[in-house]
Protein backbone atom coordinates (compact mmCIF):
# COMPACT_ATOMS: atom_id res chain seq x y z
CA MET A 1 -6.49 -10.16 -4.21
CA THR A 2 -9.63 -9.56 -4.56
CA LYS A 3 -9.27 -6.52 -2.06
CA PHE A 4 -7.96 -4.12 -4.65
CA ARG A 5 -11.14 -5.17 -7.32
CA GLN A 6 -13.44 -2.20 -7.55
CA THR A 7 -16.40 -1.74 -9.34
CA LEU A 8 -16.83 1.31 -12.38
CA GLY A 9 -19.64 2.15 -9.89
CA VAL A 10 -17.70 2.76 -6.88
CA ILE A 11 -14.46 4.20 -8.52
CA LEU A 12 -17.25 6.50 -10.85
CA LEU A 13 -20.00 7.10 -8.06
CA ALA A 14 -18.04 7.74 -4.76
CA SER A 15 -16.99 11.06 -3.69
CA ILE A 16 -13.00 11.46 -3.62
CA ALA A 17 -11.16 10.97 -0.57
CA TRP A 18 -8.61 13.63 -0.87
CA CYS A 19 -5.82 12.09 1.05
CA ASN A 20 -3.08 13.94 3.34
CA THR A 21 0.23 12.52 1.49
CA ALA A 22 3.60 12.71 2.49
CA ALA A 23 6.01 14.75 0.76
CA PHE A 24 8.42 13.36 -2.63
CA GLY A 25 10.44 16.00 -4.50
CA ALA A 26 10.47 19.56 -4.81
CA THR A 27 7.27 21.73 -5.31
CA ASN A 28 9.77 24.91 -6.72
CA MET A 29 11.07 22.60 -10.11
CA PRO A 30 7.41 21.51 -11.76
CA ASP A 31 8.93 20.03 -14.66
CA PRO A 32 11.57 17.04 -13.61
CA ILE A 33 10.74 13.89 -13.03
CA ASN A 34 10.32 12.26 -9.67
CA SER A 35 11.74 8.79 -9.76
CA MET A 36 10.75 6.53 -7.16
CA CYS A 37 11.32 2.81 -6.41
CA VAL A 38 8.01 1.58 -4.93
CA GLY A 39 7.97 -2.27 -4.04
CA ARG A 40 9.22 -3.83 -7.36
CA PHE A 41 8.61 -0.97 -9.53
CA ASN A 42 10.38 2.49 -10.73
CA ILE A 43 7.70 4.95 -10.70
CA ASP A 44 8.15 8.33 -12.64
CA LEU A 45 5.87 11.01 -11.46
CA PRO A 46 5.59 14.93 -12.04
CA GLY A 47 7.91 17.09 -10.02
CA ASP A 48 5.05 18.76 -8.37
CA ALA A 49 3.91 15.66 -7.25
CA ARG A 50 3.58 14.96 -3.24
CA ALA A 51 2.63 10.92 -2.60
CA SER A 52 1.81 8.79 0.16
CA ILE A 53 3.05 4.86 0.43
CA ASP A 54 1.47 1.97 2.21
CA SER A 55 3.37 -1.16 1.61
CA THR A 56 3.26 -4.42 3.14
CA TYR A 57 6.18 -7.24 2.90
CA HIS A 58 5.24 -10.60 4.13
CA TYR A 59 2.68 -8.74 6.46
CA ILE A 60 5.42 -6.75 7.55
CA GLY A 61 4.24 -2.72 7.05
CA ALA A 62 6.97 -0.12 7.53
CA ARG A 63 7.03 3.46 8.57
CA SER A 64 9.36 6.42 7.31
CA PRO A 65 12.70 6.38 9.39
CA GLU A 66 13.25 9.42 11.93
CA SER A 67 16.47 10.17 13.72
CA ALA A 68 17.68 8.56 16.58
CA VAL A 69 20.63 9.43 18.77
CA ASN A 70 21.92 5.56 19.45
CA PHE A 71 20.60 1.79 19.97
CA ASP A 72 20.62 2.40 23.68
CA GLU A 73 18.03 5.37 23.73
CA ILE A 74 15.56 3.10 20.93
CA LYS A 75 16.31 0.38 23.88
CA LYS A 76 15.55 2.06 26.66
CA GLU A 77 12.49 3.70 25.31
CA LEU A 78 10.89 -0.09 24.59
CA GLU A 79 12.00 -1.48 27.74
CA VAL A 80 9.90 1.13 29.45
CA ARG A 81 6.39 0.29 27.15
CA LYS A 82 8.05 -3.55 27.97
CA GLU A 83 7.57 -3.16 31.74
CA LYS A 84 4.14 -1.34 31.35
CA TYR A 85 2.79 -4.37 29.09
CA ALA A 86 4.33 -6.63 31.40
CA ILE A 87 2.27 -5.61 34.73
CA THR A 88 -0.67 -5.43 32.65
CA GLN A 89 -3.50 -8.63 32.80
CA MET A 90 -5.36 -9.17 30.15
CA LYS A 91 -9.35 -9.10 30.57
CA ARG A 92 -10.60 -12.28 29.20
CA ASN A 93 -14.46 -13.21 29.62
CA ASP A 94 -15.91 -16.82 29.82
CA ARG A 95 -18.31 -15.80 26.80
CA SER A 96 -15.82 -14.90 24.45
CA ASP A 97 -13.42 -18.00 25.20
CA ALA A 98 -16.40 -20.28 24.55
CA ILE A 99 -16.55 -18.92 21.17
CA TYR A 100 -13.43 -19.27 20.46
CA ARG A 101 -13.83 -22.81 21.51
CA SER A 102 -16.47 -23.26 19.75
CA GLY A 103 -14.00 -22.55 16.48
CA GLY A 104 -11.38 -25.03 17.67
CA LEU A 105 -9.16 -22.71 18.90
CA ASP A 106 -8.16 -22.64 22.30
CA PRO A 107 -8.17 -19.19 24.35
CA ASN A 108 -5.41 -20.04 26.69
CA LYS A 109 -2.43 -19.74 23.54
CA LEU A 110 -4.28 -16.96 21.95
CA TYR A 111 -4.24 -14.92 24.74
CA GLY A 112 -1.07 -13.89 27.22
CA LYS A 113 -1.56 -13.60 30.78
CA THR A 114 0.13 -9.78 30.16
CA GLN A 115 -0.60 -7.49 27.59
CA LEU A 116 3.21 -8.21 26.75
CA VAL A 117 3.80 -11.27 24.25
CA GLY A 118 7.28 -11.35 23.85
CA PHE A 119 10.74 -9.25 24.02
CA GLN A 120 13.93 -9.55 23.00
CA THR A 121 17.10 -7.30 22.05
CA GLU A 122 20.31 -8.39 19.15
CA GLU A 123 22.90 -6.07 20.59
CA SER A 124 25.38 -6.79 17.47
CA GLU A 125 22.50 -5.90 15.06
CA LYS A 126 21.13 -3.02 16.79
CA LEU A 127 17.83 -4.41 16.49
CA ALA A 128 14.95 -5.18 19.37
CA VAL A 129 11.56 -6.90 19.18
CA LEU A 130 8.47 -5.99 20.91
CA SER A 131 5.16 -7.97 20.52
CA TYR A 132 2.31 -7.16 22.72
CA HIS A 133 -1.89 -6.97 22.43
CA PRO A 134 -2.90 -3.45 21.60
CA LYS A 135 -5.99 -4.10 23.44
CA LEU A 136 -6.67 -6.05 26.83
CA ASP A 137 -9.77 -7.46 25.66
CA SER A 138 -8.97 -9.35 22.43
CA PRO A 139 -6.44 -11.92 21.44
CA GLN A 140 -4.28 -9.77 18.33
CA THR A 141 -1.32 -9.03 18.80
CA THR A 142 1.35 -6.11 17.30
CA THR A 143 5.30 -7.15 16.91
CA GLU A 144 7.24 -4.26 15.97
CA VAL A 145 11.04 -4.64 15.17
CA HIS A 146 13.07 -1.35 15.45
CA ARG A 147 16.71 -1.02 14.14
CA PHE A 148 19.00 1.25 14.38
CA ILE A 149 21.14 2.20 11.01
CA ASP A 150 23.21 4.87 10.65
CA GLY A 151 21.33 7.55 13.10
CA LEU A 152 18.11 6.68 11.62
CA GLN A 153 15.44 4.15 13.62
CA TYR A 154 13.59 1.97 11.29
CA VAL A 155 10.29 0.28 12.56
CA PHE A 156 8.61 -2.83 11.13
CA LYS A 157 5.19 -3.88 12.26
CA SER A 158 2.87 -6.96 11.89
CA GLU A 159 0.06 -8.02 13.12
CA ASP A 160 -2.16 -11.59 14.24
CA ALA A 161 -4.94 -13.00 15.40
CA GLY A 162 -3.31 -14.27 18.46
CA ALA A 163 -0.41 -14.79 20.94
CA ASP A 164 0.43 -18.40 19.56
CA ALA A 165 1.69 -16.54 16.63
CA TYR A 166 4.15 -14.88 18.01
CA PRO A 167 7.30 -17.64 17.51
CA ASN A 168 6.29 -18.10 13.60
CA THR A 169 5.99 -14.00 13.39
CA HIS A 170 9.22 -13.25 15.29
CA ASN A 171 11.49 -15.17 12.90
CA ALA A 172 9.99 -14.25 9.71
CA MET A 173 10.52 -10.64 10.67
CA LEU A 174 13.95 -10.86 12.02
CA SER A 175 15.18 -12.76 8.37
CA ALA A 176 13.01 -10.11 6.82
CA THR A 177 14.78 -6.88 8.85
CA MET A 178 18.16 -8.54 8.82
CA HIS A 179 17.85 -8.54 4.99
CA PHE A 180 16.23 -4.61 4.78
CA GLN A 181 18.59 -2.23 3.25
CA PRO A 182 18.81 1.49 3.64
CA LEU A 183 18.40 3.63 0.60
CA PRO A 184 18.95 7.36 1.88
CA GLY A 185 17.62 10.16 -0.45
CA ARG A 186 16.42 8.73 -3.59
CA THR A 187 19.56 6.03 -4.08
CA GLN A 188 18.16 3.46 -6.54
CA PRO A 189 18.74 0.04 -5.16
CA SER A 190 20.62 -2.22 -7.83
CA GLY A 191 19.80 -5.82 -6.56
CA TYR A 192 16.70 -7.76 -6.08
CA GLY A 193 13.85 -6.73 -3.29
CA PHE A 194 10.62 -5.07 -2.52
CA CYS A 195 11.15 -1.07 -1.95
CA ILE A 196 9.46 -0.26 1.52
CA ALA A 197 9.66 3.10 3.80
CA GLY A 198 13.40 4.32 3.04
CA GLY A 199 14.82 1.14 2.15
CA MET A 200 14.46 -2.19 0.45
CA PHE A 201 13.90 -5.99 1.67
CA ALA A 202 16.66 -7.93 -0.15
CA ASP A 203 14.99 -11.17 -1.71
CA ASP A 204 15.38 -12.98 -5.80
CA GLY A 205 11.12 -12.44 -5.46
CA ARG A 206 10.68 -15.94 -5.17
CA PRO A 207 7.68 -17.86 -3.91
CA PRO A 208 6.08 -17.71 -1.21
CA VAL A 209 4.61 -13.97 -2.21
CA HIS A 210 3.13 -12.11 0.02
CA GLU A 211 3.29 -8.23 -0.75
CA SER A 212 1.54 -4.57 -1.84
CA PHE A 213 1.46 -1.55 -2.04
CA THR A 214 -0.83 1.44 -2.76
CA LEU A 215 0.69 4.51 -3.98
CA VAL A 216 -1.71 7.33 -3.88
CA ALA A 217 0.08 11.12 -5.26
CA ARG A 218 -1.70 14.72 -5.54
CA PHE A 219 -0.21 17.63 -7.78
CA LYS A 220 0.69 21.09 -6.78
CA ASP A 221 -0.51 22.40 -10.59
CA HIS A 222 -3.51 19.90 -10.72
CA PRO A 223 -5.06 19.96 -7.60
CA ASP A 224 -8.34 18.82 -9.06
CA ALA A 225 -6.45 15.59 -9.66
CA GLN A 226 -5.74 12.43 -7.88
CA PHE A 227 -3.36 9.28 -8.62
CA THR A 228 -3.59 5.41 -7.13
CA ILE A 229 -2.07 2.78 -7.85
CA ASP A 230 -2.70 -0.55 -5.96
CA ALA A 231 -0.89 -3.74 -6.55
CA ASN A 232 -1.27 -7.18 -4.78
CA ALA A 233 1.10 -9.85 -5.69
CA ILE A 234 -0.78 -13.13 -6.09
CA ASP A 235 -0.40 -16.89 -6.33
CA SER A 236 -3.46 -18.23 -7.62
CA PRO A 237 -5.68 -16.38 -10.06
CA ASP A 238 -8.57 -14.89 -8.94
CA LYS A 239 -12.32 -16.73 -10.23
CA ASP A 240 -14.27 -15.35 -8.07
CA GLU A 241 -15.08 -12.67 -10.42
CA PRO A 242 -14.21 -11.48 -14.05
CA SER A 243 -11.72 -9.13 -15.31
CA LEU A 244 -12.62 -5.33 -15.89
CA LYS A 245 -12.54 -6.63 -19.86
CA PHE A 246 -15.76 -8.56 -19.36
CA ARG A 247 -17.47 -7.01 -17.18
CA VAL A 248 -17.27 -3.24 -18.44
CA ASP A 249 -20.47 -3.32 -20.77
CA SER A 250 -22.63 -4.01 -17.64
CA GLU A 251 -20.85 -1.66 -15.65
CA LEU A 252 -21.13 1.33 -17.92
CA GLY A 253 -25.11 0.40 -18.43
CA ILE A 254 -25.39 0.56 -14.26
CA LEU A 255 -23.45 3.67 -14.55
CA ARG A 256 -25.60 5.59 -17.03
CA GLN A 257 -28.50 4.68 -15.48
CA SER A 258 -27.49 6.46 -12.19
CA ILE A 259 -25.76 9.55 -13.29
CA GLN A 260 -27.78 12.44 -15.10
CA GLY A 261 -26.32 13.63 -18.58
CA HIS A 262 -23.90 12.47 -20.35
CA VAL A 263 -21.49 9.73 -19.88
CA ALA A 264 -18.59 9.89 -22.78
CA VAL A 265 -16.09 6.94 -23.31
CA LEU A 266 -12.93 8.51 -23.68
CA VAL A 267 -10.46 5.06 -24.25
CA ARG A 268 -11.29 1.76 -23.99
CA GLY A 269 -9.68 -1.38 -24.58
CA GLU A 270 -6.84 -3.42 -24.06
CA HIS A 271 -3.49 -1.86 -23.34
CA GLU A 272 0.20 -2.44 -21.96
CA ALA A 273 1.38 -0.73 -18.95
CA ALA A 274 3.85 -1.66 -15.85
CA GLY A 275 5.34 -4.85 -17.85
CA GLN A 276 1.51 -6.78 -18.16
CA LYS A 277 -1.38 -6.58 -20.29
CA GLY A 278 -4.48 -5.19 -18.77
CA TYR A 279 -7.39 -3.02 -20.00
CA GLN A 280 -8.61 0.29 -19.43
CA ILE A 281 -11.50 2.35 -19.88
CA GLY A 282 -11.70 6.48 -19.57
CA LEU A 283 -15.01 8.26 -18.99
CA SER A 284 -16.07 11.99 -18.77
CA VAL A 285 -19.17 12.53 -16.93
CA PRO A 286 -20.71 15.76 -15.84
CA ASN A 287 -19.36 16.95 -12.30
CA ASP A 288 -22.06 17.54 -9.68
CA ALA A 289 -19.56 19.26 -7.45
CA VAL A 290 -19.25 22.29 -9.63
CA ALA A 291 -21.74 23.01 -12.12
CA GLY A 292 -20.63 22.78 -15.54
CA THR A 293 -18.14 21.26 -15.05
CA THR A 294 -16.75 17.67 -16.46
CA ALA A 295 -15.10 15.22 -14.27
CA TYR A 296 -12.80 12.64 -15.35
CA LYS A 297 -12.38 8.96 -14.63
CA PHE A 298 -9.22 6.58 -15.88
CA PHE A 299 -9.10 3.01 -14.86
CA TRP A 300 -6.81 0.43 -15.71
CA ALA A 301 -6.44 -3.45 -14.69
CA ALA A 302 -4.32 -5.88 -15.17
CA ASP A 303 -5.18 -9.51 -13.74
CA GLY A 304 -1.47 -10.61 -12.54
CA VAL A 305 0.64 -13.49 -12.69
CA PRO A 306 0.90 -15.95 -10.17
CA ASN A 307 3.70 -16.73 -8.46
CA ASP A 308 4.90 -13.41 -10.67
CA VAL A 309 6.26 -10.55 -7.99
CA THR A 310 7.05 -8.16 -11.11
CA ARG A 311 3.41 -8.61 -12.21
CA PRO A 312 0.47 -8.27 -9.51
CA TYR A 313 -2.83 -8.17 -9.85
CA MET A 314 -3.09 -4.39 -9.90
CA GLU A 315 -5.51 -1.06 -10.36
CA VAL A 316 -4.22 1.87 -11.59
CA GLN A 317 -6.91 5.24 -11.12
CA LEU A 318 -6.94 8.82 -12.43
CA THR A 319 -10.02 11.05 -11.18
CA ILE A 320 -9.99 14.65 -12.27
CA GLN A 321 -12.55 15.88 -10.34
CA PRO A 322 -12.79 19.84 -9.47
CA ASP A 323 -14.84 21.40 -6.26
CA ALA A 324 -15.30 24.41 -4.10
CA ASP A 325 -11.89 23.98 -2.95
CA ARG A 326 -10.17 23.14 -5.95
CA LEU A 327 -10.39 24.81 -9.16
CA ALA A 328 -10.42 22.65 -12.48
CA THR A 329 -6.89 22.66 -13.87
CA ILE A 330 -7.49 20.23 -16.80
CA THR A 331 -10.63 20.90 -19.14
CA THR A 332 -10.48 19.13 -21.47
CA ALA A 333 -10.82 15.53 -22.84
CA ASP A 334 -7.52 15.44 -25.02
CA ALA A 335 -5.52 17.15 -21.35
CA ALA A 336 -7.03 14.53 -19.20
CA LYS A 337 -5.62 11.88 -21.82
CA ALA A 338 -2.46 12.92 -22.11
CA MET A 339 -2.04 13.02 -18.10
CA TRP A 340 -3.58 9.52 -17.81
CA GLU A 341 -1.14 8.08 -20.46
CA GLU A 342 1.73 9.38 -18.98
CA LEU A 343 1.24 8.87 -15.46
CA LEU A 344 0.52 4.95 -16.51
CA GLN A 345 3.53 4.52 -18.80
CA GLY A 346 5.45 6.55 -15.89
CA ILE A 347 4.88 2.57 -13.80
CA GLN A 348 7.72 0.24 -14.93
CA ILE A 349 9.32 -3.10 -13.36
CA ARG A 350 12.96 -2.23 -11.98
CA PRO A 351 15.21 -4.19 -13.75
CA GLY A 352 16.76 -6.62 -11.43
CA ALA A 353 14.01 -6.68 -9.05
CA ALA A 354 13.86 -10.68 -9.06
CA ARG A 355 14.77 -13.29 -10.85
CA HIS A 356 13.45 -14.94 -13.66
């Protein structure tokens, strides 16, 4: 869960890494709302938004579906890869083997004899499983599940530290992907489950909980803005670091010492969003990228509720920062605050996303 937790200094001092994003919605319709199912949330974005989403469900990732002729064609492509992996020997060495043994691990179980770890097809389900070592000198494995549904190929992927994990990974991935339901277009699901890459993993949302997503959105009408949501379901509170509420003063002090010019606090305090109580802060700072302009940074965080998949640990950010390639479109604090509040309140728990 701590992988998402960031300090204000990191958020405000780091340069913006503008992302190449996948498209949602039509760019010629800026007024309507794009409503999408992400994880266990419905997220409303302006009609000009373009978003990329990276999600994992029980350590399984998925990519957007692609057109496919039939399952036989998918199987043929995978069989070619399987044959190649099956004749490719792994490259182990005594030094790395000794390191694994010193840590109580058996390298003979971590490594397969060849690059191939496992292969299976389920004709009745139009499904195939392929597991392999992506690097010949590393025990790390990648397991892929390919499903053919209604003219589309869905690909799911999971990674492990060694070949000995394959039986459990195989069973877990089969169980999850057998319950995967495609959601064509903008279809909104009606049952319990976690939305990911063109579909939903159907479940009742009960523990154990291992799911997360990151959404990054850019806007055609506001190229100087970037909106990010990080969410990670938790099974226990994070006791290693205090919440934003209790560290904001010290971090603001450090920030003001690091930035030349006035750092103004626009909003600050407890604020409810995405179905849970959290804490927010919004700042304006001098923008070094373009002389005479201001950058606006907003941040909201909620600690989450253990074993409640509808209330994950969340961090939400809005950065407004013009540069040489992206002219300023949001030039006042009021406009920046209005955009922030609209985006933040657009994150809603999907009705029926999990059993309570």
